[in-house]
């Protein structure tokens, strides 16, 4: 990068975009903006109103390093250390899956049920299996103050991140992070069990986009030989922890609706709702008993 004295905000943004375009990054405009704004402490309004604003040496160095990481394939939100989900800023860590907009479909689908249960029972108890950043339960808790949630993960790193996110959002009092291998440490019953489990077939991991297979944790991706291991575990164990009239809501792979429905049907569940993702693919299934 040129000398810092030459680094006004506007030219820095243009130079960042040019570097990403030259490297073949798929979304150069938004990635350049996110990187420059984050590491310079500026906003989109600043770029419009004060493009001549000079950036200090620390910001220039940080932007340069971040652009190199992006050019080398690291996802932009991993570089920033956070991602927005359902309007909430969630911190990321190496062992958390980066929450995606498609998962917001699950929140949208179960939110009316959570509200209804909270109004009728005075509370709605939620269990999230494989909580990662805590994205799903924290989004629900933020929308329904009467709800409480337990977020389960096998990863200590993920649980620490989920706790930090709950604290930062003012939701720590109604969110518990618990280390457990699926149901092994769970007690009590819940009105809603949710999960975005690993559902990629083991043999398909190598064909994933480099940004996914290099930077998302393998434990959060690999669903076993046919991608359905986690669904079998949840279907076999959920009934012991589900309140009467409760629901199990799951994110699935685009081609897994029939298989997952079959697994839960054999375990005594009925499909009560489903939803497509932003691309029109099957993405969320809700089951009741």
Protein backbone atom coordinates (compact mmCIF):
# COMPACT_ATOMS: atom_id res chain seq x y z
CA UNK A 1 0.00 0.00 0.00
CA UNK A 2 1.17 3.60 -0.59
CA UNK A 3 2.43 5.79 2.25
CA UNK A 4 -0.16 6.49 4.97
CA UNK A 5 -0.20 10.23 4.15
CA UNK A 6 -1.78 9.35 0.84
CA UNK A 7 -4.43 7.21 2.45
CA UNK A 8 -7.72 9.00 2.52
CA UNK A 9 -10.85 6.93 3.10
CA UNK A 10 -12.23 7.15 -0.44
CA UNK A 11 -9.04 6.11 -2.24
CA UNK A 12 -8.45 3.35 0.32
CA UNK A 13 -11.87 1.89 -0.40
CA UNK A 14 -11.28 2.00 -4.13
CA UNK A 15 -7.82 0.45 -3.79
CA UNK A 16 -9.18 -2.31 -1.55
CA UNK A 17 -11.91 -3.15 -4.04
CA UNK A 18 -9.39 -3.21 -6.90
CA UNK A 19 -7.16 -5.66 -5.03
CA UNK A 20 -10.08 -8.00 -4.36
CA UNK A 21 -11.31 -7.78 -7.96
CA UNK A 22 -7.82 -8.58 -9.24
CA UNK A 23 -7.68 -11.61 -6.92
CA UNK A 24 -11.02 -12.90 -8.20
CA UNK A 25 -12.88 -12.51 -4.89
CA UNK A 26 -16.59 -13.08 -5.56
CA UNK A 27 -17.96 -10.10 -3.60
CA UNK A 28 -15.28 -7.39 -3.82
CA UNK A 29 -17.53 -4.38 -3.17
CA UNK A 30 -19.09 -5.49 0.09
CA UNK A 31 -15.94 -7.22 1.35
CA UNK A 32 -13.80 -4.12 0.73
CA UNK A 33 -16.35 -1.94 2.47
CA UNK A 34 -16.67 -4.24 5.48
CA UNK A 35 -12.91 -4.53 5.91
CA UNK A 36 -12.15 -0.84 5.52
CA UNK A 37 -15.00 0.28 7.75
CA UNK A 38 -14.20 -2.22 10.49
CA UNK A 39 -10.46 -1.64 10.71
CA UNK A 40 -10.64 2.15 10.24
CA UNK A 41 -13.61 2.69 12.55
CA UNK A 42 -15.55 4.48 9.82
CA UNK A 43 -19.04 4.07 8.40
CA UNK A 44 -20.65 4.10 4.98
CA UNK A 45 -21.82 7.64 5.70
CA UNK A 46 -18.21 8.69 6.35
CA UNK A 47 -17.15 7.36 2.95
CA UNK A 48 -19.86 9.48 1.30
CA UNK A 49 -19.50 12.64 3.35
CA UNK A 50 -15.75 12.60 4.09
CA UNK A 51 -13.91 10.57 1.45
CA UNK A 52 -10.84 12.77 2.03
CA UNK A 53 -10.59 11.68 5.68
CA UNK A 54 -7.06 10.46 6.37
CA UNK A 55 -6.59 7.05 7.98
CA UNK A 56 -3.87 6.51 10.55
CA UNK A 57 -0.98 4.08 10.12
CA UNK A 58 -2.49 1.45 12.40
CA UNK A 59 -5.69 1.34 10.36
CA UNK A 60 -3.80 1.15 7.06
CA UNK A 61 -1.67 -1.75 8.31
CA UNK A 62 -4.72 -3.61 9.62
CA UNK A 63 -6.63 -3.11 6.37
CA UNK A 64 -3.68 -4.37 4.35
CA UNK A 65 -3.37 -7.52 6.49
CA UNK A 66 -7.12 -8.16 6.32
CA UNK A 67 -7.16 -7.83 2.54
CA UNK A 68 -4.34 -10.37 2.27
CA UNK A 69 -6.31 -12.80 4.43
CA UNK A 70 -9.38 -12.32 2.22
CA UNK A 71 -7.34 -12.80 -0.95
CA UNK A 72 -6.01 -16.04 0.56
CA UNK A 73 -9.55 -17.34 0.90
CA UNK A 74 -10.51 -16.56 4.49
CA UNK A 75 -14.19 -15.53 4.74
CA UNK A 76 -14.66 -11.85 5.44
CA UNK A 77 -16.65 -12.41 8.63
CA UNK A 78 -13.94 -14.68 10.03
CA UNK A 79 -11.54 -11.82 9.46
CA UNK A 80 -13.85 -9.35 11.19
CA UNK A 81 -14.49 -11.81 14.02
CA UNK A 82 -18.26 -11.44 14.01
CA UNK A 83 -21.35 -11.84 11.88
CA UNK A 84 -24.85 -10.44 12.09
CA UNK A 85 -27.66 -12.94 12.52
CA UNK A 86 -31.31 -11.97 12.90
CA UNK A 87 -30.20 -8.41 13.61
CA UNK A 88 -27.79 -9.51 16.36
CA UNK A 89 -24.01 -9.10 16.29
CA UNK A 90 -22.49 -12.49 17.10
CA UNK A 91 -18.82 -13.07 17.81
CA UNK A 92 -17.18 -16.00 16.00
CA UNK A 93 -14.39 -18.34 17.08
CA UNK A 94 -12.48 -21.16 15.37
CA UNK A 95 -14.84 -23.90 16.58
CA UNK A 96 -18.10 -22.13 15.77
CA UNK A 97 -19.96 -22.44 12.49
CA UNK A 98 -20.46 -19.07 10.88
CA UNK A 99 -24.23 -18.46 11.10
CA UNK A 100 -25.82 -18.03 7.67
CA UNK A 101 -28.94 -16.17 6.56
CA UNK A 102 -30.61 -19.48 5.58
CA UNK A 103 -30.69 -20.45 9.27
CA UNK A 104 -32.80 -17.38 9.97
CA UNK A 105 -35.54 -19.37 8.21
CA UNK A 106 -35.64 -21.71 11.21
CA UNK A 107 -36.03 -18.76 13.61
CA UNK A 108 -38.83 -17.32 11.48
CA UNK A 109 -40.68 -20.63 11.37
CA UNK A 110 -40.63 -21.41 15.11
CA UNK A 111 -40.97 -17.88 16.47
CA UNK A 112 -44.81 -17.92 16.49
CA UNK A 113 -44.74 -21.23 18.42
CA UNK A 114 -42.29 -19.79 20.98
CA UNK A 115 -44.47 -16.70 21.45
CA UNK A 116 -47.63 -18.79 21.78
CA UNK A 117 -46.06 -21.15 24.31
CA UNK A 118 -44.64 -18.26 26.35
CA UNK A 119 -48.03 -16.56 26.48
CA UNK A 120 -49.89 -19.74 27.36
CA UNK A 121 -47.41 -21.26 29.83
CA UNK A 122 -45.70 -18.10 31.09
CA UNK A 123 -42.39 -19.39 29.67
CA UNK A 124 -40.98 -21.31 26.75
CA UNK A 125 -38.06 -23.62 27.44
CA UNK A 126 -35.75 -24.12 24.45
CA UNK A 127 -32.94 -26.65 23.94
CA UNK A 128 -30.44 -26.01 21.14
CA UNK A 129 -28.29 -28.99 20.19
CA UNK A 130 -24.94 -27.95 18.72
CA UNK A 131 -25.36 -24.31 19.65
CA UNK A 132 -22.10 -22.92 18.22
CA UNK A 133 -22.33 -19.14 18.52
CA UNK A 134 -25.74 -19.49 20.17
CA UNK A 135 -27.32 -17.92 17.10
CA UNK A 136 -30.68 -19.74 17.07
CA UNK A 137 -31.58 -19.58 20.78
CA UNK A 138 -30.25 -16.05 21.25
CA UNK A 139 -32.34 -14.82 18.32
CA UNK A 140 -35.42 -16.43 19.87
CA UNK A 141 -34.65 -15.12 23.36
CA UNK A 142 -34.18 -11.63 22.00
CA UNK A 143 -37.65 -11.76 20.44
CA UNK A 144 -39.46 -13.46 23.35
CA UNK A 145 -38.39 -12.20 26.80
CA UNK A 146 -40.34 -14.96 28.60
CA UNK A 147 -38.28 -17.69 26.92
CA UNK A 148 -35.25 -19.43 28.42
CA UNK A 149 -32.74 -21.59 26.60
CA UNK A 150 -30.01 -24.17 27.08
CA UNK A 151 -27.38 -24.23 24.37
CA UNK A 152 -25.49 -27.53 24.13
CA UNK A 153 -22.20 -28.13 22.37
CA UNK A 154 -19.34 -30.58 22.66
CA UNK A 155 -16.81 -27.80 22.02
CA UNK A 156 -15.54 -25.76 24.97
CA UNK A 157 -14.48 -23.03 22.55
CA UNK A 158 -17.97 -22.80 21.06
CA UNK A 159 -19.61 -22.68 24.49
CA UNK A 160 -17.32 -19.86 25.60
CA UNK A 161 -18.25 -17.93 22.46
CA UNK A 162 -21.98 -18.54 23.00
CA UNK A 163 -21.69 -17.28 26.60
CA UNK A 164 -19.88 -14.15 25.44
CA UNK A 165 -22.57 -13.50 22.87
CA UNK A 166 -25.33 -13.95 25.44
CA UNK A 167 -23.59 -11.53 27.80
CA UNK A 168 -22.99 -8.94 25.09
CA UNK A 169 -26.66 -9.08 24.09
CA UNK A 170 -27.95 -8.83 27.66
CA UNK A 171 -29.37 -12.36 27.48
CA UNK A 172 -27.05 -14.18 29.90
CA UNK A 173 -29.76 -14.47 32.58
CA UNK A 174 -31.96 -16.58 30.32
CA UNK A 175 -29.29 -18.57 28.46
CA UNK A 176 -27.26 -21.52 29.78
CA UNK A 177 -24.32 -22.96 27.84
CA UNK A 178 -23.75 -26.65 28.64
CA UNK A 179 -21.08 -29.05 27.43
CA UNK A 180 -22.75 -32.25 26.33
CA UNK A 181 -22.50 -34.82 23.57
CA UNK A 182 -26.06 -34.38 22.30
CA UNK A 183 -28.41 -35.44 25.13
CA UNK A 184 -25.87 -37.05 27.48
CA UNK A 185 -25.82 -34.23 30.08
CA UNK A 186 -29.35 -32.92 29.52
CA UNK A 187 -32.03 -32.98 32.19
CA UNK A 188 -35.57 -31.65 32.29
CA UNK A 189 -38.07 -31.12 29.51
CA UNK A 190 -38.39 -28.47 26.85
CA UNK A 191 -41.18 -26.99 24.77
CA UNK A 192 -38.88 -26.66 21.76
CA UNK A 193 -35.77 -28.55 20.69
CA UNK A 194 -33.86 -26.93 17.84
CA UNK A 195 -30.73 -27.86 15.96
CA UNK A 196 -28.67 -26.97 12.94
CA UNK A 197 -26.67 -30.21 13.07
CA UNK A 198 -23.82 -31.38 10.84
CA UNK A 199 -25.48 -32.77 7.71
CA UNK A 200 -22.84 -32.91 4.98
CA UNK A 201 -21.94 -36.40 3.80
CA UNK A 202 -18.37 -37.27 4.81
CA UNK A 203 -17.45 -37.96 1.19
CA UNK A 204 -18.77 -34.53 0.13
CA UNK A 205 -16.62 -32.49 2.54
CA UNK A 206 -13.77 -32.29 0.05
CA UNK A 207 -16.04 -30.78 -2.60
CA UNK A 208 -17.26 -27.91 -0.41
CA UNK A 209 -16.28 -24.35 -1.19
CA UNK A 210 -12.75 -23.65 0.12
CA UNK A 211 -14.09 -20.93 2.44
CA UNK A 212 -16.29 -23.53 4.12
CA UNK A 213 -14.04 -26.58 4.30
CA UNK A 214 -10.95 -24.60 5.33
CA UNK A 215 -12.52 -22.33 7.94
CA UNK A 216 -15.73 -23.86 9.29
CA UNK A 217 -15.15 -26.54 11.96
CA UNK A 218 -15.34 -30.09 10.63
CA UNK A 219 -17.43 -31.20 13.63
CA UNK A 220 -20.15 -28.76 12.57
CA UNK A 221 -20.16 -30.03 8.97
CA UNK A 222 -19.59 -33.79 8.86
CA UNK A 223 -22.86 -35.67 9.21
CA UNK A 224 -21.41 -39.13 8.62
CA UNK A 225 -21.50 -41.45 5.64
CA UNK A 226 -24.98 -40.40 4.49
CA UNK A 227 -25.14 -37.04 6.30
CA UNK A 228 -27.94 -38.25 8.58
CA UNK A 229 -26.14 -39.40 11.76
CA UNK A 230 -27.20 -36.39 13.84
CA UNK A 231 -30.85 -36.72 12.83
CA UNK A 232 -30.91 -40.35 13.96
CA UNK A 233 -29.42 -39.35 17.32
CA UNK A 234 -31.92 -36.51 17.80
CA UNK A 235 -34.90 -38.59 16.71
CA UNK A 236 -33.92 -41.41 19.07
CA UNK A 237 -33.37 -39.17 22.09
CA UNK A 238 -35.65 -36.14 21.87
CA UNK A 239 -38.85 -37.66 23.23
CA UNK A 240 -37.40 -38.03 26.73
CA UNK A 241 -36.79 -34.28 26.88
CA UNK A 242 -39.82 -32.93 25.05
CA UNK A 243 -42.89 -31.54 26.81
CA UNK A 244 -46.30 -32.71 25.68
CA UNK A 245 -47.22 -30.64 22.65
CA UNK A 246 -43.59 -29.72 22.11
CA UNK A 247 -41.78 -29.40 18.80
CA UNK A 248 -38.44 -30.39 17.27
CA UNK A 249 -37.18 -27.95 14.61
CA UNK A 250 -34.24 -28.84 12.40
CA UNK A 251 -32.20 -27.34 9.61
CA UNK A 252 -31.54 -29.87 6.86
CA UNK A 253 -29.58 -30.22 3.64
CA UNK A 254 -31.41 -29.28 0.45
CA UNK A 255 -32.00 -32.93 -0.53
CA UNK A 256 -32.70 -34.45 2.89
CA UNK A 257 -36.39 -33.73 3.54
CA UNK A 258 -37.63 -37.23 2.67
CA UNK A 259 -34.87 -39.02 4.58
CA UNK A 260 -35.14 -36.89 7.73
CA UNK A 261 -38.93 -37.09 7.66
CA UNK A 262 -38.63 -40.86 7.42
CA UNK A 263 -36.24 -41.04 10.37
CA UNK A 264 -38.56 -38.98 12.57
CA UNK A 265 -41.67 -40.73 11.31
CA UNK A 266 -40.21 -44.07 12.37
CA UNK A 267 -39.55 -42.58 15.82
CA UNK A 268 -43.19 -41.55 16.25
CA UNK A 269 -43.16 -37.97 14.99
CA UNK A 270 -45.29 -36.15 12.44
CA UNK A 271 -44.13 -33.31 10.23
CA UNK A 272 -46.04 -30.20 11.36
CA UNK A 273 -44.31 -27.47 9.35
CA UNK A 274 -41.54 -26.92 6.83
CA UNK A 275 -39.88 -24.02 5.05
CA UNK A 276 -37.67 -23.19 2.10
CA UNK A 277 -34.43 -21.21 2.33
CA UNK A 278 -33.63 -18.02 0.42
CA UNK A 279 -32.78 -20.04 -2.71
CA UNK A 280 -36.06 -21.98 -2.62
CA UNK A 281 -34.55 -25.22 -1.30
CA UNK A 282 -35.98 -27.35 1.52
CA UNK A 283 -34.20 -26.09 4.65
CA UNK A 284 -36.26 -26.44 7.86
CA UNK A 285 -38.52 -29.20 9.19
CA UNK A 286 -40.63 -29.07 12.36
CA UNK A 287 -41.90 -32.26 14.01
CA UNK A 288 -44.40 -33.00 16.78
CA UNK A 289 -45.50 -36.20 18.48
